[in-house]
N, C-alpha and C. Protein backbone atom coordinates (compact mmCIF):
# COMPACT_ATOMS: atom_id res chain seq x y z
N MET A 1 -18.13 -3.83 -10.61
CA MET A 1 -17.56 -3.23 -9.41
C MET A 1 -16.50 -2.20 -9.84
N PRO A 2 -16.59 -0.97 -9.34
CA PRO A 2 -15.59 0.04 -9.72
C PRO A 2 -14.22 -0.32 -9.19
N SER A 3 -13.21 0.11 -9.93
CA SER A 3 -11.85 -0.16 -9.49
C SER A 3 -11.11 1.14 -9.25
N SER A 4 -10.17 1.12 -8.34
CA SER A 4 -9.37 2.28 -8.02
C SER A 4 -8.33 2.51 -9.11
N LYS A 5 -8.13 3.76 -9.45
CA LYS A 5 -7.09 4.07 -10.43
C LYS A 5 -5.73 4.11 -9.77
N ASN A 6 -5.70 4.31 -8.47
CA ASN A 6 -4.43 4.37 -7.74
C ASN A 6 -4.19 3.02 -7.08
N THR A 7 -3.25 2.28 -7.62
CA THR A 7 -2.97 0.94 -7.10
C THR A 7 -1.74 0.93 -6.18
N GLN A 8 -1.21 2.09 -5.84
CA GLN A 8 0.03 2.12 -5.06
C GLN A 8 -0.10 1.40 -3.72
N PHE A 9 -1.22 1.56 -3.03
CA PHE A 9 -1.38 0.90 -1.74
C PHE A 9 -1.34 -0.63 -1.92
N ALA A 10 -2.11 -1.13 -2.87
CA ALA A 10 -2.15 -2.58 -3.09
C ALA A 10 -0.78 -3.11 -3.50
N VAL A 11 -0.10 -2.39 -4.38
CA VAL A 11 1.25 -2.81 -4.79
C VAL A 11 2.19 -2.79 -3.59
N ALA A 12 2.09 -1.75 -2.75
CA ALA A 12 2.96 -1.65 -1.57
C ALA A 12 2.73 -2.82 -0.62
N VAL A 13 1.47 -3.16 -0.35
CA VAL A 13 1.18 -4.28 0.55
C VAL A 13 1.69 -5.57 -0.06
N HIS A 14 1.51 -5.74 -1.35
CA HIS A 14 2.00 -6.94 -2.05
C HIS A 14 3.52 -7.04 -1.90
N VAL A 15 4.22 -5.94 -2.20
CA VAL A 15 5.69 -5.94 -2.14
C VAL A 15 6.17 -6.19 -0.71
N LEU A 16 5.58 -5.52 0.26
CA LEU A 16 5.99 -5.71 1.66
C LEU A 16 5.75 -7.15 2.11
N THR A 17 4.63 -7.71 1.70
CA THR A 17 4.32 -9.11 2.06
C THR A 17 5.31 -10.06 1.39
N TYR A 18 5.63 -9.80 0.14
CA TYR A 18 6.60 -10.62 -0.58
C TYR A 18 7.96 -10.56 0.11
N LEU A 19 8.39 -9.34 0.46
CA LEU A 19 9.68 -9.18 1.15
C LEU A 19 9.66 -9.86 2.51
N ALA A 20 8.55 -9.79 3.20
CA ALA A 20 8.44 -10.45 4.51
C ALA A 20 8.61 -11.96 4.39
N GLY A 21 8.17 -12.52 3.29
CA GLY A 21 8.32 -13.96 3.05
C GLY A 21 9.71 -14.35 2.56
N GLN A 22 10.54 -13.36 2.24
CA GLN A 22 11.88 -13.63 1.71
C GLN A 22 12.99 -13.20 2.66
N VAL A 23 12.68 -12.93 3.91
CA VAL A 23 13.65 -12.39 4.86
C VAL A 23 14.91 -13.25 4.93
N GLU A 24 14.75 -14.54 4.97
CA GLU A 24 15.90 -15.45 5.10
C GLU A 24 16.77 -15.45 3.84
N ARG A 25 16.15 -15.18 2.71
CA ARG A 25 16.85 -15.25 1.43
C ARG A 25 17.73 -14.03 1.17
N GLY A 26 17.33 -12.88 1.65
CA GLY A 26 18.10 -11.67 1.39
C GLY A 26 17.41 -10.75 0.41
N PRO A 27 18.17 -9.81 -0.15
CA PRO A 27 17.58 -8.79 -1.02
C PRO A 27 16.87 -9.37 -2.24
N VAL A 28 15.80 -8.67 -2.64
CA VAL A 28 14.99 -9.07 -3.78
C VAL A 28 15.06 -7.94 -4.82
N SER A 29 15.29 -8.28 -6.06
CA SER A 29 15.43 -7.27 -7.12
C SER A 29 14.09 -6.62 -7.45
N SER A 30 14.17 -5.42 -8.01
CA SER A 30 12.97 -4.73 -8.50
C SER A 30 12.29 -5.55 -9.59
N ASP A 31 13.09 -6.22 -10.42
CA ASP A 31 12.52 -7.04 -11.49
C ASP A 31 11.70 -8.20 -10.93
N GLU A 32 12.20 -8.82 -9.87
CA GLU A 32 11.46 -9.92 -9.25
C GLU A 32 10.17 -9.40 -8.62
N LEU A 33 10.26 -8.25 -7.96
CA LEU A 33 9.06 -7.65 -7.35
C LEU A 33 8.07 -7.25 -8.44
N SER A 34 8.59 -6.77 -9.55
CA SER A 34 7.75 -6.39 -10.68
C SER A 34 7.01 -7.61 -11.24
N ALA A 35 7.72 -8.71 -11.36
CA ALA A 35 7.10 -9.93 -11.88
C ALA A 35 6.01 -10.42 -10.94
N SER A 36 6.27 -10.35 -9.64
CA SER A 36 5.28 -10.81 -8.67
C SER A 36 4.04 -9.94 -8.65
N THR A 37 4.23 -8.62 -8.75
CA THR A 37 3.10 -7.69 -8.69
C THR A 37 2.44 -7.47 -10.04
N ASN A 38 3.12 -7.89 -11.11
CA ASN A 38 2.63 -7.72 -12.47
C ASN A 38 2.48 -6.24 -12.85
N VAL A 39 3.44 -5.44 -12.37
CA VAL A 39 3.51 -4.03 -12.75
C VAL A 39 4.94 -3.70 -13.17
N ASN A 40 5.10 -2.60 -13.84
CA ASN A 40 6.39 -2.14 -14.32
C ASN A 40 7.37 -1.94 -13.17
N PRO A 41 8.66 -2.31 -13.34
CA PRO A 41 9.65 -2.11 -12.28
C PRO A 41 9.76 -0.64 -11.84
N VAL A 42 9.53 0.29 -12.75
CA VAL A 42 9.59 1.71 -12.39
C VAL A 42 8.47 2.04 -11.40
N HIS A 43 7.28 1.49 -11.64
CA HIS A 43 6.17 1.70 -10.71
C HIS A 43 6.50 1.11 -9.34
N VAL A 44 7.09 -0.08 -9.33
CA VAL A 44 7.48 -0.71 -8.06
C VAL A 44 8.45 0.20 -7.31
N ARG A 45 9.44 0.74 -8.01
CA ARG A 45 10.42 1.62 -7.35
C ARG A 45 9.76 2.90 -6.85
N ARG A 46 8.79 3.43 -7.60
CA ARG A 46 8.06 4.63 -7.14
C ARG A 46 7.29 4.35 -5.87
N VAL A 47 6.71 3.17 -5.78
CA VAL A 47 5.98 2.79 -4.57
C VAL A 47 6.95 2.58 -3.41
N LEU A 48 8.10 2.00 -3.70
CA LEU A 48 9.08 1.71 -2.65
C LEU A 48 9.76 2.97 -2.11
N GLY A 49 9.82 4.03 -2.89
CA GLY A 49 10.48 5.27 -2.46
C GLY A 49 9.97 5.80 -1.12
N PRO A 50 8.67 6.07 -1.00
CA PRO A 50 8.15 6.55 0.28
C PRO A 50 8.32 5.54 1.42
N LEU A 51 8.27 4.26 1.08
CA LEU A 51 8.45 3.22 2.11
C LEU A 51 9.89 3.23 2.62
N ARG A 52 10.84 3.49 1.71
CA ARG A 52 12.24 3.60 2.11
C ARG A 52 12.44 4.85 2.98
N GLU A 53 11.88 5.97 2.54
CA GLU A 53 12.01 7.21 3.31
C GLU A 53 11.45 7.07 4.72
N ALA A 54 10.42 6.25 4.88
CA ALA A 54 9.80 6.03 6.18
C ALA A 54 10.53 4.96 6.99
N GLY A 55 11.54 4.31 6.40
CA GLY A 55 12.30 3.30 7.12
C GLY A 55 11.67 1.92 7.15
N LEU A 56 10.72 1.67 6.26
CA LEU A 56 10.08 0.35 6.23
C LEU A 56 10.87 -0.64 5.39
N VAL A 57 11.54 -0.14 4.34
CA VAL A 57 12.37 -0.98 3.48
C VAL A 57 13.71 -0.29 3.28
N CYS A 58 14.67 -1.07 2.83
CA CYS A 58 15.97 -0.51 2.45
C CYS A 58 16.42 -1.22 1.19
N SER A 59 17.34 -0.59 0.49
CA SER A 59 17.85 -1.20 -0.74
C SER A 59 19.36 -1.25 -0.69
N ARG A 60 19.88 -2.25 -1.39
CA ARG A 60 21.34 -2.40 -1.53
C ARG A 60 21.67 -2.42 -3.01
N PRO A 61 22.63 -1.61 -3.43
CA PRO A 61 23.01 -1.63 -4.84
C PRO A 61 23.88 -2.83 -5.16
N GLY A 62 24.05 -3.09 -6.42
CA GLY A 62 24.99 -4.12 -6.85
C GLY A 62 24.32 -5.37 -7.35
N VAL A 63 25.17 -6.29 -7.78
CA VAL A 63 24.73 -7.55 -8.37
C VAL A 63 23.87 -8.35 -7.40
N HIS A 64 24.27 -8.39 -6.15
CA HIS A 64 23.52 -9.16 -5.16
C HIS A 64 22.65 -8.23 -4.30
N GLY A 65 22.37 -7.06 -4.82
CA GLY A 65 21.56 -6.08 -4.11
C GLY A 65 20.08 -6.30 -4.33
N GLY A 66 19.32 -5.35 -3.87
CA GLY A 66 17.87 -5.43 -4.01
C GLY A 66 17.20 -4.80 -2.80
N TRP A 67 15.98 -5.17 -2.60
CA TRP A 67 15.14 -4.61 -1.54
C TRP A 67 14.93 -5.60 -0.40
N GLU A 68 14.89 -5.05 0.81
CA GLU A 68 14.63 -5.86 2.01
C GLU A 68 13.76 -5.05 2.96
N LEU A 69 13.09 -5.75 3.87
CA LEU A 69 12.39 -5.06 4.94
C LEU A 69 13.41 -4.46 5.89
N ALA A 70 13.15 -3.24 6.35
CA ALA A 70 14.00 -2.60 7.34
C ALA A 70 13.29 -2.55 8.69
N THR A 71 12.03 -2.89 8.69
CA THR A 71 11.19 -2.93 9.90
C THR A 71 10.54 -4.31 9.92
N PRO A 72 10.45 -4.95 11.08
CA PRO A 72 9.79 -6.26 11.13
C PRO A 72 8.34 -6.19 10.63
N ALA A 73 7.93 -7.20 9.89
CA ALA A 73 6.60 -7.24 9.28
C ALA A 73 5.48 -7.06 10.31
N GLU A 74 5.68 -7.57 11.51
CA GLU A 74 4.64 -7.46 12.53
C GLU A 74 4.49 -6.04 13.08
N GLU A 75 5.45 -5.18 12.76
CA GLU A 75 5.38 -3.78 13.21
C GLU A 75 4.86 -2.83 12.13
N ILE A 76 4.61 -3.34 10.94
CA ILE A 76 4.15 -2.50 9.83
C ILE A 76 2.64 -2.66 9.69
N THR A 77 1.89 -1.67 10.17
CA THR A 77 0.44 -1.73 10.00
C THR A 77 0.08 -1.27 8.59
N LEU A 78 -1.02 -1.80 8.11
CA LEU A 78 -1.49 -1.38 6.79
C LEU A 78 -1.90 0.09 6.82
N ALA A 79 -2.33 0.58 7.98
CA ALA A 79 -2.68 2.00 8.11
C ALA A 79 -1.46 2.88 7.87
N ARG A 80 -0.33 2.47 8.38
CA ARG A 80 0.89 3.26 8.17
C ARG A 80 1.24 3.32 6.68
N VAL A 81 1.14 2.20 6.00
CA VAL A 81 1.43 2.14 4.57
C VAL A 81 0.43 3.02 3.82
N TRP A 82 -0.83 2.91 4.16
CA TRP A 82 -1.87 3.68 3.48
C TRP A 82 -1.65 5.18 3.67
N ARG A 83 -1.35 5.58 4.89
CA ARG A 83 -1.11 7.00 5.15
C ARG A 83 0.11 7.52 4.39
N LEU A 84 1.16 6.70 4.31
CA LEU A 84 2.36 7.11 3.57
C LEU A 84 2.04 7.37 2.10
N LEU A 85 1.23 6.51 1.52
CA LEU A 85 0.95 6.61 0.09
C LEU A 85 -0.24 7.51 -0.22
N GLN A 86 -1.19 7.58 0.66
CA GLN A 86 -2.38 8.40 0.43
C GLN A 86 -2.09 9.87 0.71
N GLY A 87 -1.30 10.12 1.76
CA GLY A 87 -1.00 11.50 2.12
C GLY A 87 -2.26 12.30 2.35
N ALA A 88 -2.30 13.51 1.85
CA ALA A 88 -3.45 14.38 2.03
C ALA A 88 -4.43 14.27 0.86
N ASP A 89 -4.19 13.34 -0.08
CA ASP A 89 -5.09 13.20 -1.22
C ASP A 89 -6.47 12.77 -0.74
N PRO A 90 -7.51 13.33 -1.34
CA PRO A 90 -8.86 12.93 -0.93
C PRO A 90 -9.14 11.48 -1.30
N VAL A 91 -9.89 10.81 -0.45
CA VAL A 91 -10.26 9.42 -0.69
C VAL A 91 -11.38 9.36 -1.73
N LEU A 92 -12.26 10.35 -1.71
CA LEU A 92 -13.44 10.34 -2.56
C LEU A 92 -13.22 10.95 -3.94
N GLY A 93 -12.03 11.38 -4.26
CA GLY A 93 -11.78 11.94 -5.57
C GLY A 93 -12.50 13.27 -5.78
N LEU A 94 -12.36 14.18 -4.84
CA LEU A 94 -13.02 15.48 -4.92
C LEU A 94 -12.52 16.28 -6.12
N HIS A 95 -13.38 17.14 -6.62
CA HIS A 95 -13.01 17.99 -7.76
C HIS A 95 -13.09 19.45 -7.33
N GLY A 96 -12.55 20.31 -8.13
CA GLY A 96 -12.59 21.75 -7.84
C GLY A 96 -13.74 22.41 -8.57
N PRO A 97 -14.84 22.73 -7.89
CA PRO A 97 -15.98 23.35 -8.56
C PRO A 97 -15.69 24.81 -8.89
N ASN A 98 -16.56 25.41 -9.66
CA ASN A 98 -16.48 26.82 -9.97
C ASN A 98 -16.55 27.61 -8.66
N PRO A 99 -15.53 28.39 -8.32
CA PRO A 99 -15.54 29.12 -7.05
C PRO A 99 -16.66 30.15 -6.94
N ASP A 100 -17.26 30.53 -8.06
CA ASP A 100 -18.36 31.49 -8.04
C ASP A 100 -19.72 30.82 -7.80
N CYS A 101 -19.75 29.51 -7.81
CA CYS A 101 -21.01 28.78 -7.64
C CYS A 101 -21.24 28.45 -6.17
N PRO A 102 -22.28 29.01 -5.55
CA PRO A 102 -22.53 28.73 -4.13
C PRO A 102 -22.86 27.25 -3.88
N VAL A 103 -23.53 26.61 -4.81
CA VAL A 103 -23.83 25.18 -4.65
C VAL A 103 -22.53 24.39 -4.65
N GLY A 104 -21.66 24.69 -5.60
CA GLY A 104 -20.38 23.98 -5.68
C GLY A 104 -19.56 24.15 -4.42
N ARG A 105 -19.50 25.39 -3.90
CA ARG A 105 -18.74 25.62 -2.66
C ARG A 105 -19.32 24.83 -1.51
N GLY A 106 -20.64 24.81 -1.41
CA GLY A 106 -21.29 24.07 -0.32
C GLY A 106 -21.09 22.58 -0.43
N VAL A 107 -21.24 22.09 -1.65
CA VAL A 107 -21.04 20.65 -1.87
C VAL A 107 -19.59 20.29 -1.56
N GLN A 108 -18.66 21.12 -2.00
CA GLN A 108 -17.24 20.85 -1.77
C GLN A 108 -16.93 20.78 -0.27
N ARG A 109 -17.45 21.74 0.50
CA ARG A 109 -17.22 21.74 1.96
C ARG A 109 -17.81 20.49 2.60
N SER A 110 -19.02 20.13 2.19
CA SER A 110 -19.67 18.94 2.76
C SER A 110 -18.90 17.68 2.41
N LEU A 111 -18.52 17.55 1.14
CA LEU A 111 -17.79 16.35 0.74
C LEU A 111 -16.40 16.29 1.37
N ALA A 112 -15.76 17.43 1.56
CA ALA A 112 -14.45 17.44 2.21
C ALA A 112 -14.57 16.94 3.65
N ALA A 113 -15.63 17.33 4.35
CA ALA A 113 -15.85 16.85 5.72
C ALA A 113 -16.10 15.35 5.73
N ILE A 114 -16.93 14.88 4.78
CA ILE A 114 -17.20 13.44 4.69
C ILE A 114 -15.93 12.69 4.32
N ASP A 115 -15.14 13.26 3.41
CA ASP A 115 -13.89 12.64 2.99
C ASP A 115 -12.96 12.44 4.18
N GLY A 116 -12.87 13.43 5.06
CA GLY A 116 -12.03 13.29 6.25
C GLY A 116 -12.49 12.15 7.14
N ALA A 117 -13.81 12.03 7.30
CA ALA A 117 -14.36 10.94 8.12
C ALA A 117 -14.09 9.58 7.47
N VAL A 118 -14.23 9.51 6.14
CA VAL A 118 -13.96 8.26 5.42
C VAL A 118 -12.49 7.88 5.58
N ALA A 119 -11.60 8.85 5.43
CA ALA A 119 -10.17 8.59 5.57
C ALA A 119 -9.85 8.04 6.96
N GLU A 120 -10.46 8.61 7.97
CA GLU A 120 -10.22 8.12 9.34
C GLU A 120 -10.78 6.72 9.53
N ALA A 121 -11.93 6.43 8.94
CA ALA A 121 -12.51 5.09 9.05
C ALA A 121 -11.64 4.05 8.34
N VAL A 122 -11.13 4.42 7.16
CA VAL A 122 -10.23 3.51 6.43
C VAL A 122 -8.97 3.24 7.26
N ALA A 123 -8.38 4.30 7.80
CA ALA A 123 -7.16 4.15 8.60
C ALA A 123 -7.43 3.30 9.84
N ALA A 124 -8.57 3.50 10.48
CA ALA A 124 -8.91 2.72 11.68
C ALA A 124 -9.02 1.23 11.34
N GLU A 125 -9.64 0.91 10.22
CA GLU A 125 -9.76 -0.49 9.81
C GLU A 125 -8.40 -1.08 9.47
N LEU A 126 -7.58 -0.32 8.75
CA LEU A 126 -6.26 -0.81 8.35
C LEU A 126 -5.31 -0.93 9.52
N GLU A 127 -5.56 -0.20 10.58
CA GLU A 127 -4.72 -0.27 11.79
C GLU A 127 -4.80 -1.65 12.42
N ARG A 128 -5.84 -2.40 12.10
CA ARG A 128 -6.06 -3.71 12.71
C ARG A 128 -5.24 -4.83 12.07
N SER A 129 -4.57 -4.54 10.95
CA SER A 129 -3.80 -5.57 10.25
C SER A 129 -2.37 -5.11 10.00
N THR A 130 -1.46 -6.07 10.06
CA THR A 130 -0.05 -5.82 9.76
C THR A 130 0.35 -6.61 8.52
N VAL A 131 1.52 -6.30 8.02
CA VAL A 131 2.06 -7.06 6.90
C VAL A 131 2.22 -8.52 7.30
N GLN A 132 2.60 -8.77 8.54
CA GLN A 132 2.74 -10.15 9.03
C GLN A 132 1.40 -10.88 8.98
N ASP A 133 0.30 -10.18 9.32
CA ASP A 133 -1.03 -10.78 9.24
C ASP A 133 -1.36 -11.19 7.80
N ILE A 134 -1.02 -10.32 6.85
CA ILE A 134 -1.28 -10.62 5.44
C ILE A 134 -0.43 -11.81 5.00
N LEU A 135 0.83 -11.83 5.41
CA LEU A 135 1.70 -12.95 5.06
C LEU A 135 1.15 -14.25 5.63
N ALA A 136 0.69 -14.22 6.87
CA ALA A 136 0.14 -15.43 7.49
C ALA A 136 -1.10 -15.91 6.74
N ARG A 137 -1.96 -15.00 6.33
CA ARG A 137 -3.16 -15.37 5.56
C ARG A 137 -2.77 -15.93 4.20
N GLU A 138 -1.78 -15.28 3.56
CA GLU A 138 -1.33 -15.70 2.23
C GLU A 138 -0.73 -17.10 2.29
N VAL A 139 0.11 -17.34 3.27
CA VAL A 139 0.75 -18.65 3.41
C VAL A 139 -0.30 -19.70 3.75
N GLN A 140 -1.22 -19.35 4.62
CA GLN A 140 -2.28 -20.28 5.00
C GLN A 140 -3.14 -20.62 3.79
N GLY A 141 -3.48 -19.60 2.98
CA GLY A 141 -4.28 -19.81 1.78
C GLY A 141 -3.55 -20.63 0.73
N ALA A 142 -2.24 -20.46 0.64
CA ALA A 142 -1.46 -21.19 -0.35
C ALA A 142 -1.42 -22.67 -0.05
N CYS A 143 -1.64 -23.04 1.21
CA CYS A 143 -1.57 -24.44 1.60
C CYS A 143 -2.91 -25.15 1.45
N SER A 144 -3.99 -24.40 1.23
CA SER A 144 -5.27 -25.04 1.12
C SER A 144 -5.52 -25.50 -0.32
N VAL A 145 -6.28 -26.56 -0.44
CA VAL A 145 -6.60 -27.10 -1.75
C VAL A 145 -8.05 -26.77 -2.04
N PRO A 146 -8.35 -26.10 -3.15
CA PRO A 146 -9.75 -25.78 -3.46
C PRO A 146 -10.63 -27.01 -3.43
N GLY A 147 -11.79 -26.85 -2.83
CA GLY A 147 -12.74 -27.95 -2.75
C GLY A 147 -12.55 -28.87 -1.56
N GLN A 148 -11.50 -28.66 -0.79
CA GLN A 148 -11.27 -29.48 0.41
C GLN A 148 -11.32 -28.61 1.64
N ALA A 149 -11.86 -29.13 2.69
CA ALA A 149 -11.96 -28.37 3.95
C ALA A 149 -10.82 -28.69 4.87
């Protein structure tokens, strides 16, 4: 199965879900988020930057500082997170063909149109879930014992 080279969306959902589960505890350090996501703390902070700019998370400096949700988990749709991180980047990984090649230009236009439709379909599906939904599934799954119904 092919894997995405851009993991920012998955890391963002992981971090937001983790923070949603820690609301009562207070700020969570980048190092703790890094350990949970199994990625470098710098990558975690890069992912958190756009989320902070959008008002989904906030950070506090200092010894007892860290990251917290700034928006309730039930108000954060996965579509909003995806759009923040995806931006105008193509979903299909389009390339720049030779501008002198009529086939390349035609293929590029066709794929760009399909890419727009795919992006809208992805956003529509992600609009159906919130960070709170993911947290509820994660907590529910954590309580189940494999092999038991």
